[in-house]
Amino acid sequence: MTSLNLTFNALADPTRRAILTRLARGAATVGELAKPFEISLPAVSRHLKVLEEAALISNDREGKHRLCRLRPEALAAAQQWLEFHQRFWSGSLDRLASHLKTNPRNRK
């Protein structure tokens, strides 16, 4: 799977997006990340593994805890992909609207 596919797969899940939102405020232990969710610690660990495989987070042992940190640079490729498609579709729709306004045959 390409890195872009891994990123979008990771972002597809609301729990993983919530974890990323929490990590945007700063590093957290696995236990701290699991606290707001009504799912098991192993389930949270599986979500963290998906995020780590997509390079969206780092998950390092510090003492007896695992500390997770956001890696925002990993979102750059996804952001570029989204921006390209936004420009493409905005431009295409603008050209279509202009064409429909200037070509009376298209009005019915």
C-alpha atoms as a PDB file:
ATOM      1  CA  MET A   1       0.000   0.000   0.000  1.00  0.00           C
ATOM      2  CA  THR A   2       1.374   3.441  -0.869  1.00  0.00           C
ATOM      3  CA  SER A   3       2.002   5.987   1.856  1.00  0.00           C
ATOM      4  CA  LEU A   4      -0.913   8.105   0.625  1.00  0.00           C
ATOM      5  CA  ASN A   5      -3.222   5.083   0.840  1.00  0.00           C
ATOM      6  CA  LEU A   6      -1.961   4.351   4.349  1.00  0.00           C
ATOM      7  CA  THR A   7      -2.594   7.958   5.356  1.00  0.00           C
ATOM      8  CA  PHE A   8      -6.156   8.061   4.034  1.00  0.00           C
ATOM      9  CA  ASN A   9      -6.891   4.621   5.483  1.00  0.00           C
ATOM     10  CA  ALA A  10      -5.699   5.834   8.879  1.00  0.00           C
ATOM     11  CA  LEU A  11      -7.742   9.042   8.605  1.00  0.00           C
ATOM     12  CA  ALA A  12     -10.891   7.126   7.623  1.00  0.00           C
ATOM     13  CA  ASP A  13     -11.594   6.061  11.196  1.00  0.00           C
ATOM     14  CA  PRO A  14     -13.148   8.569  13.647  1.00  0.00           C
ATOM     15  CA  THR A  15     -11.290   7.101  16.630  1.00  0.00           C
ATOM     16  CA  ARG A  16      -7.952   7.550  14.889  1.00  0.00           C
ATOM     17  CA  ARG A  17      -8.864  11.115  13.898  1.00  0.00           C
ATOM     18  CA  ALA A  18      -9.762  11.826  17.531  1.00  0.00           C
ATOM     19  CA  ILE A  19      -6.403  10.422  18.642  1.00  0.00           C
ATOM     20  CA  LEU A  20      -4.615  12.693  16.142  1.00  0.00           C
ATOM     21  CA  THR A  21      -6.615  15.676  17.381  1.00  0.00           C
ATOM     22  CA  ARG A  22      -5.567  14.890  20.947  1.00  0.00           C
ATOM     23  CA  LEU A  23      -1.911  14.493  19.922  1.00  0.00           C
ATOM     24  CA  ALA A  24      -2.035  17.890  18.195  1.00  0.00           C
ATOM     25  CA  ARG A  25      -2.131  19.344  21.733  1.00  0.00           C
ATOM     26  CA  GLY A  26       1.015  17.446  22.721  1.00  0.00           C
ATOM     27  CA  ALA A  27       2.521  14.052  23.399  1.00  0.00           C
ATOM     28  CA  ALA A  28       0.523  11.534  25.431  1.00  0.00           C
ATOM     29  CA  THR A  29       0.904   8.053  26.827  1.00  0.00           C
ATOM     30  CA  VAL A  30      -1.146   5.191  25.445  1.00  0.00           C
ATOM     31  CA  GLY A  31      -3.192   5.188  28.658  1.00  0.00           C
ATOM     32  CA  GLU A  32      -3.948   8.899  28.343  1.00  0.00           C
ATOM     33  CA  LEU A  33      -5.018   8.414  24.743  1.00  0.00           C
ATOM     34  CA  ALA A  34      -7.259   5.471  25.651  1.00  0.00           C
ATOM     35  CA  LYS A  35      -9.035   7.249  28.531  1.00  0.00           C
ATOM     36  CA  PRO A  36     -11.803   9.072  26.586  1.00  0.00           C
ATOM     37  CA  PHE A  37     -12.772   6.023  24.519  1.00  0.00           C
ATOM     38  CA  GLU A  38     -15.151   3.248  25.501  1.00  0.00           C
ATOM     39  CA  ILE A  39     -12.960   0.620  23.871  1.00  0.00           C
ATOM     40  CA  SER A  40     -10.338  -1.724  25.262  1.00  0.00           C
ATOM     41  CA  LEU A  41      -6.681  -0.817  25.600  1.00  0.00           C
ATOM     42  CA  PRO A  42      -5.772  -3.479  22.994  1.00  0.00           C
ATOM     43  CA  ALA A  43      -8.233  -1.850  20.557  1.00  0.00           C
ATOM     44  CA  VAL A  44      -6.607   1.550  21.129  1.00  0.00           C
ATOM     45  CA  SER A  45      -3.210  -0.086  20.571  1.00  0.00           C
ATOM     46  CA  ARG A  46      -4.430  -1.434  17.214  1.00  0.00           C
ATOM     47  CA  HIS A  47      -5.526   2.086  16.215  1.00  0.00           C
ATOM     48  CA  LEU A  48      -2.124   3.423  17.252  1.00  0.00           C
ATOM     49  CA  LYS A  49      -0.425   0.751  15.154  1.00  0.00           C
ATOM     50  CA  VAL A  50      -2.371   1.883  12.064  1.00  0.00           C
ATOM     51  CA  LEU A  51      -1.397   5.505  12.755  1.00  0.00           C
ATOM     52  CA  GLU A  52       2.230   4.519  13.265  1.00  0.00           C
ATOM     53  CA  GLU A  53       2.318   2.435  10.051  1.00  0.00           C
ATOM     54  CA  ALA A  54       1.001   5.487   8.200  1.00  0.00           C
ATOM     55  CA  ALA A  55       3.837   7.510   9.820  1.00  0.00           C
ATOM     56  CA  LEU A  56       1.281   9.891  11.338  1.00  0.00           C
ATOM     57  CA  ILE A  57       2.573   9.303  14.864  1.00  0.00           C
ATOM     58  CA  SER A  58       5.676   8.090  16.625  1.00  0.00           C
ATOM     59  CA  ASN A  59       5.230   5.643  19.482  1.00  0.00           C
ATOM     60  CA  ASP A  60       8.352   5.361  21.628  1.00  0.00           C
ATOM     61  CA  ARG A  61       9.072   3.701  24.943  1.00  0.00           C
ATOM     62  CA  GLU A  62      10.059   6.178  27.631  1.00  0.00           C
ATOM     63  CA  GLY A  63      10.653   4.431  30.918  1.00  0.00           C
ATOM     64  CA  LYS A  64       7.746   2.112  31.578  1.00  0.00           C
ATOM     65  CA  HIS A  65       5.348   4.044  29.342  1.00  0.00           C
ATOM     66  CA  ARG A  66       4.843   4.356  25.619  1.00  0.00           C
ATOM     67  CA  LEU A  67       4.717   7.998  24.556  1.00  0.00           C
ATOM     68  CA  CYS A  68       2.961   8.940  21.335  1.00  0.00           C
ATOM     69  CA  ARG A  69       3.678  12.095  19.350  1.00  0.00           C
ATOM     70  CA  LEU A  70       2.048  13.552  16.271  1.00  0.00           C
ATOM     71  CA  ARG A  71       4.170  13.666  13.100  1.00  0.00           C
ATOM     72  CA  PRO A  72       2.355  16.462  11.200  1.00  0.00           C
ATOM     73  CA  GLU A  73       4.823  16.369   8.305  1.00  0.00           C
ATOM     74  CA  ALA A  74       3.336  12.995   7.362  1.00  0.00           C
ATOM     75  CA  LEU A  75       0.116  14.758   6.376  1.00  0.00           C
ATOM     76  CA  ALA A  76       1.896  16.866   3.739  1.00  0.00           C
ATOM     77  CA  ALA A  77       1.334  14.402   0.868  1.00  0.00           C
ATOM     78  CA  ALA A  78      -2.366  14.079   1.712  1.00  0.00           C
ATOM     79  CA  GLN A  79      -2.688  17.851   1.919  1.00  0.00           C
ATOM     80  CA  GLN A  80      -1.010  18.282  -1.475  1.00  0.00           C
ATOM     81  CA  TRP A  81      -3.311  15.652  -3.019  1.00  0.00           C
ATOM     82  CA  LEU A  82      -6.401  17.354  -1.588  1.00  0.00           C
ATOM     83  CA  GLU A  83      -5.266  20.826  -2.679  1.00  0.00           C
ATOM     84  CA  PHE A  84      -4.583  19.614  -6.233  1.00  0.00           C
ATOM     85  CA  HIS A  85      -8.052  18.066  -6.510  1.00  0.00           C
ATOM     86  CA  GLN A  86      -9.699  21.101  -4.981  1.00  0.00           C
ATOM     87  CA  ARG A  87      -8.031  23.355  -7.570  1.00  0.00           C
ATOM     88  CA  PHE A  88      -8.861  20.923 -10.390  1.00  0.00           C
ATOM     89  CA  TRP A  89     -12.535  20.578  -9.530  1.00  0.00           C
ATOM     90  CA  SER A  90     -13.006  24.267  -8.682  1.00  0.00           C
ATOM     91  CA  GLY A  91     -11.470  25.230 -12.022  1.00  0.00           C
ATOM     92  CA  SER A  92     -13.513  22.649 -13.925  1.00  0.00           C
ATOM     93  CA  LEU A  93     -16.762  23.761 -12.346  1.00  0.00           C
ATOM     94  CA  ASP A  94     -15.908  27.434 -12.935  1.00  0.00           C
ATOM     95  CA  ARG A  95     -15.243  26.691 -16.630  1.00  0.00           C
ATOM     96  CA  LEU A  96     -18.518  24.762 -16.903  1.00  0.00           C
ATOM     97  CA  ALA A  97     -20.484  27.625 -15.312  1.00  0.00           C
ATOM     98  CA  SER A  98     -18.829  30.114 -17.656  1.00  0.00           C
ATOM     99  CA  HIS A  99     -19.579  27.940 -20.671  1.00  0.00           C
ATOM    100  CA  LEU A 100     -23.220  27.540 -19.681  1.00  0.00           C
ATOM    101  CA  LYS A 101     -23.605  31.300 -19.191  1.00  0.00           C
ATOM    102  CA  THR A 102     -22.079  32.210 -22.564  1.00  0.00           C
ATOM    103  CA  ASN A 103     -23.607  29.462 -24.715  1.00  0.00           C
ATOM    104  CA  PRO A 104     -27.376  30.092 -25.111  1.00  0.00           C
ATOM    105  CA  ARG A 105     -27.909  26.696 -26.783  1.00  0.00           C
ATOM    106  CA  ASN A 106     -27.319  25.033 -23.433  1.00  0.00           C
ATOM    107  CA  ARG A 107     -30.263  26.793 -21.774  1.00  0.00           C
ATOM    108  CA  LYS A 108     -33.546  24.938 -21.693  1.00  0.00           C
END
